[in-house]
Amino acid sequence: MKNQMGAVKGFSLVELMVAMTIGLILTLGIATLFVDSMQTQTVVNEASRVQEAGRIILKRIQDDVRKAGYRGCNIAEAVGTSVTSLRALNDGIIIPGEADFLPNAGVDAASTSFSVSYLRPFPDANSFGVTMDDTGRTVTLSAADQVLPAITQGTQIVISNCLTQEIINTPAISAGSTSFTLSNAVIGDYRGESNLYTLTSRTYYVADSGRGNRSLFMQTLSLNPSNAEELVENVAAGGFTLVNQNTTVDSYLISLQVAGSADDDAVSRAFSSVATRRNTAQ
């Protein structure tokens, strides 16, 4: 019995140390592979996010540039206005140094800041034809089969007779109404056939995000600068530009250079697109 017990042998200390070392190396290798895989996935996800965000934002800006300057009718002529906020309609695009709604500080001077303005039919794809009474206050729909949608008080609508236009602040209007009366008379003469539109006026600019990087912002006419919408972050210095590359056809080259939050050049993306204004006479 004693001899049989003596014949049983275990691992020596050296063998255990070698086995533990090999196991440790294998575990370290697997852990390194896992970490590298996670880091790669993070970069891929960030690159995908940057690619999608840049594509969507550029498409949005491209659409605005294409519509810039649309005045509803008689687009071959400059349109007079009694409201300063409508001045951009004659150019459609206001370039750096003239852009509206910019904050007082933090704007990236190397990037392009610009405003786009255009009218959209009200209330949908077709503008309502209207007439104004002699007092310049009561607006009546021209077509007998048209009715107004519900409109909240203070909604800004543009009235235009193709020669001049201005913003009117409407009273509260119930759905189904065919006329409404303003609290203050309009300045222009709209007693003849006129149309109703809504005004879109937006300013795009790059500024300090407050997080140690730059972001592309969009500011609309109805908001104050503190409520500007942040479109995409990590925009490079001078990474957003608008260039009128062909004045004959009025086409603009829009460029955007943006990176993800990961500290890796692999997530940096450059976007560019050409937009030709469709709503101005050449």
C-alpha atoms as a PDB file:
ATOM      1  CA  MET A   1       0.000   0.000   0.000  1.00  0.00           C
ATOM      2  CA  LYS A   2       2.778   2.323   0.876  1.00  0.00           C
ATOM      3  CA  ASN A   3       4.565   1.597  -2.369  1.00  0.00           C
ATOM      4  CA  GLN A   4       1.387   2.246  -4.345  1.00  0.00           C
ATOM      5  CA  MET A   5       0.901   5.658  -2.698  1.00  0.00           C
ATOM      6  CA  GLY A   6       4.484   6.487  -3.391  1.00  0.00           C
ATOM      7  CA  ALA A   7       3.993   5.833  -7.085  1.00  0.00           C
ATOM      8  CA  VAL A   8       1.395   8.636  -7.407  1.00  0.00           C
ATOM      9  CA  LYS A   9       3.053  11.857  -8.519  1.00  0.00           C
ATOM     10  CA  GLY A  10       1.633  15.450  -8.776  1.00  0.00           C
ATOM     11  CA  PHE A  11       2.839  18.538 -10.631  1.00  0.00           C
ATOM     12  CA  SER A  12       6.059  20.032  -9.557  1.00  0.00           C
ATOM     13  CA  LEU A  13       6.276  23.709  -8.584  1.00  0.00           C
ATOM     14  CA  VAL A  14       8.071  24.514 -11.817  1.00  0.00           C
ATOM     15  CA  GLU A  15       5.349  22.800 -13.862  1.00  0.00           C
ATOM     16  CA  LEU A  16       2.632  24.723 -12.018  1.00  0.00           C
ATOM     17  CA  MET A  17       4.422  28.018 -12.586  1.00  0.00           C
ATOM     18  CA  VAL A  18       4.874  27.270 -16.290  1.00  0.00           C
ATOM     19  CA  ALA A  19       1.185  26.320 -16.637  1.00  0.00           C
ATOM     20  CA  MET A  20       0.078  29.428 -14.770  1.00  0.00           C
ATOM     21  CA  THR A  21       2.331  31.610 -16.924  1.00  0.00           C
ATOM     22  CA  ILE A  22       0.927  30.103 -20.127  1.00  0.00           C
ATOM     23  CA  GLY A  23      -2.618  30.549 -18.816  1.00  0.00           C
ATOM     24  CA  LEU A  24      -1.891  34.140 -17.859  1.00  0.00           C
ATOM     25  CA  ILE A  25      -0.457  34.872 -21.315  1.00  0.00           C
ATOM     26  CA  LEU A  26      -3.501  33.334 -22.976  1.00  0.00           C
ATOM     27  CA  THR A  27      -5.880  35.287 -20.715  1.00  0.00           C
ATOM     28  CA  LEU A  28      -4.005  38.512 -21.367  1.00  0.00           C
ATOM     29  CA  GLY A  29      -4.125  37.867 -25.102  1.00  0.00           C
ATOM     30  CA  ILE A  30      -7.860  37.215 -25.035  1.00  0.00           C
ATOM     31  CA  ALA A  31      -8.450  40.319 -22.899  1.00  0.00           C
ATOM     32  CA  THR A  32      -6.333  42.455 -25.258  1.00  0.00           C
ATOM     33  CA  LEU A  33      -8.215  41.086 -28.242  1.00  0.00           C
ATOM     34  CA  PHE A  34     -11.531  41.879 -26.528  1.00  0.00           C
ATOM     35  CA  VAL A  35     -10.472  45.433 -25.664  1.00  0.00           C
ATOM     36  CA  ASP A  36      -9.173  46.040 -29.198  1.00  0.00           C
ATOM     37  CA  SER A  37     -12.419  44.684 -30.601  1.00  0.00           C
ATOM     38  CA  MET A  38     -14.460  46.990 -28.368  1.00  0.00           C
ATOM     39  CA  GLN A  39     -12.324  49.993 -29.328  1.00  0.00           C
ATOM     40  CA  THR A  40     -12.687  49.145 -33.010  1.00  0.00           C
ATOM     41  CA  GLN A  41     -16.441  48.823 -32.588  1.00  0.00           C
ATOM     42  CA  THR A  42     -16.541  52.194 -30.829  1.00  0.00           C
ATOM     43  CA  VAL A  43     -14.670  53.846 -33.697  1.00  0.00           C
ATOM     44  CA  VAL A  44     -16.912  52.139 -36.272  1.00  0.00           C
ATOM     45  CA  ASN A  45     -20.057  53.244 -34.413  1.00  0.00           C
ATOM     46  CA  GLU A  46     -18.727  56.801 -34.059  1.00  0.00           C
ATOM     47  CA  ALA A  47     -17.763  56.929 -37.728  1.00  0.00           C
ATOM     48  CA  SER A  48     -21.218  55.679 -38.674  1.00  0.00           C
ATOM     49  CA  ARG A  49     -22.839  58.325 -36.442  1.00  0.00           C
ATOM     50  CA  VAL A  50     -20.703  61.106 -37.932  1.00  0.00           C
ATOM     51  CA  GLN A  51     -21.403  59.898 -41.468  1.00  0.00           C
ATOM     52  CA  GLU A  52     -25.155  59.797 -40.922  1.00  0.00           C
ATOM     53  CA  ALA A  53     -25.293  63.121 -39.054  1.00  0.00           C
ATOM     54  CA  GLY A  54     -23.195  64.892 -41.694  1.00  0.00           C
ATOM     55  CA  ARG A  55     -25.259  63.486 -44.543  1.00  0.00           C
ATOM     56  CA  ILE A  56     -28.571  64.530 -42.978  1.00  0.00           C
ATOM     57  CA  ILE A  57     -27.367  68.023 -42.046  1.00  0.00           C
ATOM     58  CA  LEU A  58     -25.866  68.678 -45.471  1.00  0.00           C
ATOM     59  CA  LYS A  59     -29.111  67.554 -47.142  1.00  0.00           C
ATOM     60  CA  ARG A  60     -31.052  69.939 -44.889  1.00  0.00           C
ATOM     61  CA  ILE A  61     -28.815  72.888 -45.760  1.00  0.00           C
ATOM     62  CA  GLN A  62     -28.862  71.942 -49.435  1.00  0.00           C
ATOM     63  CA  ASP A  63     -32.670  72.040 -49.464  1.00  0.00           C
ATOM     64  CA  ASP A  64     -32.673  75.485 -47.821  1.00  0.00           C
ATOM     65  CA  VAL A  65     -30.151  76.882 -50.307  1.00  0.00           C
ATOM     66  CA  ARG A  66     -32.194  75.579 -53.235  1.00  0.00           C
ATOM     67  CA  LYS A  67     -35.313  77.361 -51.957  1.00  0.00           C
ATOM     68  CA  ALA A  68     -33.538  80.570 -50.914  1.00  0.00           C
ATOM     69  CA  GLY A  69     -35.114  83.715 -52.310  1.00  0.00           C
ATOM     70  CA  TYR A  70     -38.474  82.213 -53.253  1.00  0.00           C
ATOM     71  CA  ARG A  71     -41.003  85.043 -53.068  1.00  0.00           C
ATOM     72  CA  GLY A  72     -44.120  83.251 -54.187  1.00  0.00           C
ATOM     73  CA  CYS A  73     -44.740  85.164 -57.412  1.00  0.00           C
ATOM     74  CA  ASN A  74     -43.157  87.685 -59.745  1.00  0.00           C
ATOM     75  CA  ILE A  75     -39.722  86.329 -58.861  1.00  0.00           C
ATOM     76  CA  ALA A  76     -38.011  88.304 -61.613  1.00  0.00           C
ATOM     77  CA  GLU A  77     -38.438  91.546 -59.685  1.00  0.00           C
ATOM     78  CA  ALA A  78     -37.101  92.705 -56.342  1.00  0.00           C
ATOM     79  CA  VAL A  79     -39.874  92.900 -53.776  1.00  0.00           C
ATOM     80  CA  GLY A  80     -40.422  95.898 -51.539  1.00  0.00           C
ATOM     81  CA  THR A  81     -40.976  95.272 -47.852  1.00  0.00           C
ATOM     82  CA  SER A  82     -41.998  97.206 -44.796  1.00  0.00           C
ATOM     83  CA  VAL A  83     -40.379  94.720 -42.416  1.00  0.00           C
ATOM     84  CA  THR A  84     -36.603  94.472 -41.986  1.00  0.00           C
ATOM     85  CA  SER A  85     -36.737  90.720 -41.325  1.00  0.00           C
ATOM     86  CA  LEU A  86     -38.000  90.176 -44.869  1.00  0.00           C
ATOM     87  CA  ARG A  87     -35.115  91.995 -46.556  1.00  0.00           C
ATOM     88  CA  ALA A  88     -33.272  88.732 -47.248  1.00  0.00           C
ATOM     89  CA  LEU A  89     -35.982  87.607 -49.653  1.00  0.00           C
ATOM     90  CA  ASN A  90     -34.554  89.752 -52.418  1.00  0.00           C
ATOM     91  CA  ASP A  91     -31.188  87.974 -52.208  1.00  0.00           C
ATOM     92  CA  GLY A  92     -32.333  84.752 -50.589  1.00  0.00           C
ATOM     93  CA  ILE A  93     -28.876  84.225 -49.107  1.00  0.00           C
ATOM     94  CA  ILE A  94     -27.109  86.727 -46.875  1.00  0.00           C
ATOM     95  CA  ILE A  95     -23.375  86.077 -46.659  1.00  0.00           C
ATOM     96  CA  PRO A  96     -20.858  86.607 -43.783  1.00  0.00           C
ATOM     97  CA  GLY A  97     -20.926  90.041 -42.227  1.00  0.00           C
ATOM     98  CA  GLU A  98     -24.641  90.370 -42.942  1.00  0.00           C
ATOM     99  CA  ALA A  99     -26.019  87.106 -41.534  1.00  0.00           C
ATOM    100  CA  ASP A 100     -28.906  87.478 -39.096  1.00  0.00           C
ATOM    101  CA  PHE A 101     -29.305  86.081 -35.570  1.00  0.00           C
ATOM    102  CA  LEU A 102     -25.599  85.515 -34.853  1.00  0.00           C
ATOM    103  CA  PRO A 103     -24.509  85.385 -31.176  1.00  0.00           C
ATOM    104  CA  ASN A 104     -22.254  88.145 -29.907  1.00  0.00           C
ATOM    105  CA  ALA A 105     -19.205  85.937 -29.353  1.00  0.00           C
ATOM    106  CA  GLY A 106     -17.752  82.519 -30.043  1.00  0.00           C
ATOM    107  CA  VAL A 107     -18.467  82.373 -33.800  1.00  0.00           C
ATOM    108  CA  ASP A 108     -15.779  80.660 -35.877  1.00  0.00           C
ATOM    109  CA  ALA A 109     -14.654  83.438 -38.218  1.00  0.00           C
ATOM    110  CA  ALA A 110     -12.884  80.947 -40.503  1.00  0.00           C
ATOM    111  CA  SER A 111     -16.177  79.219 -41.299  1.00  0.00           C
ATOM    112  CA  THR A 112     -19.040  80.656 -43.340  1.00  0.00           C
ATOM    113  CA  SER A 113     -22.031  82.133 -41.521  1.00  0.00           C
ATOM    114  CA  PHE A 114     -25.043  82.793 -43.711  1.00  0.00           C
ATOM    115  CA  SER A 115     -28.805  83.285 -43.626  1.00  0.00           C
ATOM    116  CA  VAL A 116     -31.359  81.822 -46.008  1.00  0.00           C
ATOM    117  CA  SER A 117     -34.894  83.131 -46.406  1.00  0.00           C
ATOM    118  CA  TYR A 118     -37.832  82.026 -48.509  1.00  0.00           C
ATOM    119  CA  LEU A 119     -41.602  81.900 -48.499  1.00  0.00           C
ATOM    120  CA  ARG A 120     -43.706  78.755 -48.307  1.00  0.00           C
ATOM    121  CA  PRO A 121     -47.328  78.514 -49.398  1.00  0.00           C
ATOM    122  CA  PHE A 122     -49.843  78.867 -46.578  1.00  0.00           C
ATOM    123  CA  PRO A 123     -51.401  76.726 -45.295  1.00  0.00           C
ATOM    124  CA  ASP A 124     -50.139  73.827 -47.442  1.00  0.00           C
ATOM    125  CA  ALA A 125     -48.872  73.261 -50.991  1.00  0.00           C
ATOM    126  CA  ASN A 126     -51.206  75.970 -52.323  1.00  0.00           C
ATOM    127  CA  SER A 127     -51.215  79.565 -51.124  1.00  0.00           C
ATOM    128  CA  PHE A 128     -54.581  80.990 -50.136  1.00  0.00           C
ATOM    129  CA  GLY A 129     -55.697  83.869 -52.340  1.00  0.00           C
ATOM    130  CA  VAL A 130     -57.055  86.736 -50.231  1.00  0.00           C
ATOM    131  CA  THR A 131     -58.301  90.300 -50.472  1.00  0.00           C
ATOM    132  CA  MET A 132     -57.997  93.088 -47.921  1.00  0.00           C
ATOM    133  CA  ASP A 133     -60.732  95.622 -47.127  1.00  0.00           C
ATOM    134  CA  ASP A 134     -60.239  99.402 -47.297  1.00  0.00           C
ATOM    135  CA  THR A 135     -59.313  99.601 -43.607  1.00  0.00           C
ATOM    136  CA  GLY A 136     -56.280  97.371 -44.150  1.00  0.00           C
ATOM    137  CA  ARG A 137     -57.368  95.072 -41.328  1.00  0.00           C
ATOM    138  CA  THR A 138     -59.887  92.471 -42.526  1.00  0.00           C
ATOM    139  CA  VAL A 139     -58.503  89.638 -44.663  1.00  0.00           C
ATOM    140  CA  THR A 140     -60.995  87.531 -46.635  1.00  0.00           C
ATOM    141  CA  LEU A 141     -60.344  84.347 -48.617  1.00  0.00           C
ATOM    142  CA  SER A 142     -61.021  84.792 -52.340  1.00  0.00           C
ATOM    143  CA  ALA A 143     -62.207  81.276 -53.180  1.00  0.00           C
ATOM    144  CA  ALA A 144     -65.641  80.282 -51.901  1.00  0.00           C
ATOM    145  CA  ASP A 145     -64.570  76.675 -51.324  1.00  0.00           C
ATOM    146  CA  GLN A 146     -61.566  77.512 -49.131  1.00  0.00           C
ATOM    147  CA  VAL A 147     -61.552  77.703 -45.328  1.00  0.00           C
ATOM    148  CA  LEU A 148     -58.788  78.519 -42.882  1.00  0.00           C
ATOM    149  CA  PRO A 149     -57.260  75.952 -40.533  1.00  0.00           C
ATOM    150  CA  ALA A 150     -57.157  76.647 -36.809  1.00  0.00           C
ATOM    151  CA  ILE A 151     -54.514  79.322 -36.166  1.00  0.00           C
ATOM    152  CA  THR A 152     -53.161  80.354 -32.779  1.00  0.00           C
ATOM    153  CA  GLN A 153     -52.913  84.028 -31.870  1.00  0.00           C
ATOM    154  CA  GLY A 154     -49.652  85.661 -32.891  1.00  0.00           C
ATOM    155  CA  THR A 155     -48.874  83.239 -35.723  1.00  0.00           C
ATOM    156  CA  GLN A 156     -46.702  85.107 -38.225  1.00  0.00           C
ATOM    157  CA  ILE A 157     -48.020  84.924 -41.775  1.00  0.00           C
ATOM    158  CA  VAL A 158     -46.748  86.866 -44.772  1.00  0.00           C
ATOM    159  CA  ILE A 159     -49.218  88.642 -47.042  1.00  0.00           C
ATOM    160  CA  SER A 160     -47.923  89.415 -50.541  1.00  0.00           C
ATOM    161  CA  ASN A 161     -49.333  91.060 -53.661  1.00  0.00           C
ATOM    162  CA  CYS A 162     -46.211  90.243 -55.714  1.00  0.00           C
ATOM    163  CA  LEU A 163     -44.994  93.843 -55.415  1.00  0.00           C
ATOM    164  CA  THR A 164     -44.686  94.156 -51.665  1.00  0.00           C
ATOM    165  CA  GLN A 165     -45.144  91.941 -48.649  1.00  0.00           C
ATOM    166  CA  GLU A 166     -45.124  92.110 -44.878  1.00  0.00           C
ATOM    167  CA  ILE A 167     -45.572  89.947 -41.832  1.00  0.00           C
ATOM    168  CA  ILE A 168     -48.991  90.052 -40.202  1.00  0.00           C
ATOM    169  CA  ASN A 169     -49.616  88.799 -36.671  1.00  0.00           C
ATOM    170  CA  THR A 170     -52.891  86.951 -36.786  1.00  0.00           C
ATOM    171  CA  PRO A 171     -55.539  86.761 -34.072  1.00  0.00           C
ATOM    172  CA  ALA A 172     -56.763  83.371 -32.872  1.00  0.00           C
ATOM    173  CA  ILE A 173     -58.696  81.848 -35.780  1.00  0.00           C
ATOM    174  CA  SER A 174     -61.124  78.947 -35.575  1.00  0.00           C
ATOM    175  CA  ALA A 175     -60.956  76.160 -38.134  1.00  0.00           C
ATOM    176  CA  GLY A 176     -63.440  76.723 -40.951  1.00  0.00           C
ATOM    177  CA  SER A 177     -63.258  80.528 -40.914  1.00  0.00           C
ATOM    178  CA  THR A 178     -63.150  82.417 -44.212  1.00  0.00           C
ATOM    179  CA  SER A 179     -61.858  85.744 -42.889  1.00  0.00           C
ATOM    180  CA  PHE A 180     -60.061  87.332 -39.949  1.00  0.00           C
ATOM    181  CA  THR A 181     -59.476  90.860 -38.650  1.00  0.00           C
ATOM    182  CA  LEU A 182     -56.090  92.186 -37.565  1.00  0.00           C
ATOM    183  CA  SER A 183     -55.612  94.314 -34.464  1.00  0.00           C
ATOM    184  CA  ASN A 184     -53.437  96.735 -36.473  1.00  0.00           C
ATOM    185  CA  ALA A 185     -53.794  97.779 -40.101  1.00  0.00           C
ATOM    186  CA  VAL A 186     -51.175  96.652 -42.601  1.00  0.00           C
ATOM    187  CA  ILE A 187     -48.808  99.204 -44.100  1.00  0.00           C
ATOM    188  CA  GLY A 188     -49.029  98.124 -47.746  1.00  0.00           C
ATOM    189  CA  ASP A 189     -52.024  98.120 -50.091  1.00  0.00           C
ATOM    190  CA  TYR A 190     -53.392  94.591 -50.454  1.00  0.00           C
ATOM    191  CA  ARG A 191     -56.933  95.412 -51.585  1.00  0.00           C
ATOM    192  CA  GLY A 192     -56.321  93.613 -54.863  1.00  0.00           C
ATOM    193  CA  GLU A 193     -55.605  89.889 -55.178  1.00  0.00           C
ATOM    194  CA  SER A 194     -52.938  88.857 -52.670  1.00  0.00           C
ATOM    195  CA  ASN A 195     -51.639  85.609 -51.245  1.00  0.00           C
ATOM    196  CA  LEU A 196     -50.716  84.224 -47.838  1.00  0.00           C
ATOM    197  CA  TYR A 197     -47.359  82.590 -47.122  1.00  0.00           C
ATOM    198  CA  THR A 198     -45.258  81.490 -44.177  1.00  0.00           C
ATOM    199  CA  LEU A 199     -41.709  82.803 -43.877  1.00  0.00           C
ATOM    200  CA  THR A 200     -38.723  80.526 -43.337  1.00  0.00           C
ATOM    201  CA  SER A 201     -35.589  82.388 -42.301  1.00  0.00           C
ATOM    202  CA  ARG A 202     -32.604  80.495 -40.891  1.00  0.00           C
ATOM    203  CA  THR A 203     -29.001  81.337 -40.075  1.00  0.00           C
ATOM    204  CA  TYR A 204     -26.270  78.678 -40.093  1.00  0.00           C
ATOM    205  CA  TYR A 205     -23.008  79.287 -38.242  1.00  0.00           C
ATOM    206  CA  VAL A 206     -20.178  77.497 -36.405  1.00  0.00           C
ATOM    207  CA  ALA A 207     -19.517  78.562 -32.822  1.00  0.00           C
ATOM    208  CA  ASP A 208     -18.109  77.372 -29.511  1.00  0.00           C
ATOM    209  CA  SER A 209     -20.298  74.568 -28.149  1.00  0.00           C
ATOM    210  CA  GLY A 210     -19.335  75.268 -24.532  1.00  0.00           C
ATOM    211  CA  ARG A 211     -17.783  71.784 -24.299  1.00  0.00           C
ATOM    212  CA  GLY A 212     -14.333  72.610 -25.629  1.00  0.00           C
ATOM    213  CA  ASN A 213     -15.150  72.112 -29.307  1.00  0.00           C
ATOM    214  CA  ARG A 214     -17.074  73.773 -32.131  1.00  0.00           C
ATOM    215  CA  SER A 215     -20.562  72.947 -33.322  1.00  0.00           C
ATOM    216  CA  LEU A 216     -22.702  73.866 -36.292  1.00  0.00           C
ATOM    217  CA  PHE A 217     -25.826  75.740 -35.173  1.00  0.00           C
ATOM    218  CA  MET A 218     -29.038  76.773 -36.873  1.00  0.00           C
ATOM    219  CA  GLN A 219     -30.902  79.843 -35.657  1.00  0.00           C
ATOM    220  CA  THR A 220     -34.454  80.536 -36.812  1.00  0.00           C
ATOM    221  CA  LEU A 221     -36.267  83.851 -37.060  1.00  0.00           C
ATOM    222  CA  SER A 222     -38.613  83.147 -34.162  1.00  0.00           C
ATOM    223  CA  LEU A 223     -35.971  82.085 -31.632  1.00  0.00           C
ATOM    224  CA  ASN A 224     -33.351  83.964 -29.667  1.00  0.00           C
ATOM    225  CA  PRO A 225     -29.646  82.953 -29.939  1.00  0.00           C
ATOM    226  CA  SER A 226     -29.688  81.061 -26.624  1.00  0.00           C
ATOM    227  CA  ASN A 227     -32.201  78.663 -28.143  1.00  0.00           C
ATOM    228  CA  ALA A 228     -30.285  77.979 -31.353  1.00  0.00           C
ATOM    229  CA  GLU A 229     -30.451  74.362 -32.490  1.00  0.00           C
ATOM    230  CA  GLU A 230     -27.147  72.473 -32.383  1.00  0.00           C
ATOM    231  CA  LEU A 231     -26.949  70.395 -35.561  1.00  0.00           C
ATOM    232  CA  VAL A 232     -23.593  68.604 -35.276  1.00  0.00           C
ATOM    233  CA  GLU A 233     -20.583  68.886 -32.975  1.00  0.00           C
ATOM    234  CA  ASN A 234     -16.804  68.656 -33.458  1.00  0.00           C
ATOM    235  CA  VAL A 235     -16.711  70.832 -36.561  1.00  0.00           C
ATOM    236  CA  ALA A 236     -13.173  71.717 -37.607  1.00  0.00           C
ATOM    237  CA  ALA A 237     -11.960  75.329 -37.596  1.00  0.00           C
ATOM    238  CA  GLY A 238     -12.986  76.681 -40.981  1.00  0.00           C
ATOM    239  CA  GLY A 239     -14.808  73.409 -41.524  1.00  0.00           C
ATOM    240  CA  PHE A 240     -18.089  74.852 -42.782  1.00  0.00           C
ATOM    241  CA  THR A 241     -18.136  76.920 -45.959  1.00  0.00           C
ATOM    242  CA  LEU A 242     -20.585  78.133 -48.597  1.00  0.00           C
ATOM    243  CA  VAL A 243     -19.082  79.261 -51.903  1.00  0.00           C
ATOM    244  CA  ASN A 244     -20.967  80.644 -54.901  1.00  0.00           C
ATOM    245  CA  GLN A 245     -19.016  78.645 -57.450  1.00  0.00           C
ATOM    246  CA  ASN A 246     -21.100  79.522 -60.507  1.00  0.00           C
ATOM    247  CA  THR A 247     -22.849  82.887 -60.596  1.00  0.00           C
ATOM    248  CA  THR A 248     -24.383  82.179 -64.007  1.00  0.00           C
ATOM    249  CA  VAL A 249     -26.602  79.394 -62.708  1.00  0.00           C
ATOM    250  CA  ASP A 250     -26.378  80.560 -59.075  1.00  0.00           C
ATOM    251  CA  SER A 251     -24.960  77.316 -57.698  1.00  0.00           C
ATOM    252  CA  TYR A 252     -23.306  76.978 -54.299  1.00  0.00           C
ATOM    253  CA  LEU A 253     -20.716  74.526 -52.995  1.00  0.00           C
ATOM    254  CA  ILE A 254     -21.473  73.514 -49.395  1.00  0.00           C
ATOM    255  CA  SER A 255     -18.606  71.908 -47.447  1.00  0.00           C
ATOM    256  CA  LEU A 256     -18.581  70.448 -43.944  1.00  0.00           C
ATOM    257  CA  GLN A 257     -15.623  68.929 -42.062  1.00  0.00           C
ATOM    258  CA  VAL A 258     -16.653  67.078 -38.896  1.00  0.00           C
ATOM    259  CA  ALA A 259     -15.109  64.536 -36.533  1.00  0.00           C
ATOM    260  CA  GLY A 260     -16.625  62.213 -33.960  1.00  0.00           C
ATOM    261  CA  SER A 261     -16.029  62.346 -30.230  1.00  0.00           C
ATOM    262  CA  ALA A 262     -13.426  59.563 -30.353  1.00  0.00           C
ATOM    263  CA  ASP A 263      -9.805  60.784 -30.449  1.00  0.00           C
ATOM    264  CA  ASP A 264      -9.077  59.118 -33.766  1.00  0.00           C
ATOM    265  CA  ASP A 265      -8.702  60.482 -37.277  1.00  0.00           C
ATOM    266  CA  ALA A 266     -10.643  57.447 -38.499  1.00  0.00           C
ATOM    267  CA  VAL A 267     -13.924  59.092 -37.512  1.00  0.00           C
ATOM    268  CA  SER A 268     -13.236  62.386 -39.282  1.00  0.00           C
ATOM    269  CA  ARG A 269     -15.420  62.980 -42.311  1.00  0.00           C
ATOM    270  CA  ALA A 270     -15.543  65.610 -45.039  1.00  0.00           C
ATOM    271  CA  PHE A 271     -18.851  66.293 -46.786  1.00  0.00           C
ATOM    272  CA  SER A 272     -19.589  68.438 -49.804  1.00  0.00           C
ATOM    273  CA  SER A 273     -22.571  69.066 -52.025  1.00  0.00           C
ATOM    274  CA  VAL A 274     -23.631  71.485 -54.737  1.00  0.00           C
ATOM    275  CA  ALA A 275     -26.996  73.246 -54.520  1.00  0.00           C
ATOM    276  CA  THR A 276     -28.449  75.358 -57.327  1.00  0.00           C
ATOM    277  CA  ARG A 277     -31.073  77.912 -56.375  1.00  0.00           C
ATOM    278  CA  ARG A 278     -34.288  77.072 -58.182  1.00  0.00           C
ATOM    279  CA  ASN A 279     -36.504  79.988 -57.206  1.00  0.00           C
ATOM    280  CA  THR A 280     -34.743  83.058 -58.534  1.00  0.00           C
ATOM    281  CA  ALA A 281     -34.790  84.508 -62.024  1.00  0.00           C
ATOM    282  CA  GLN A 282     -31.470  84.314 -63.859  1.00  0.00           C
END
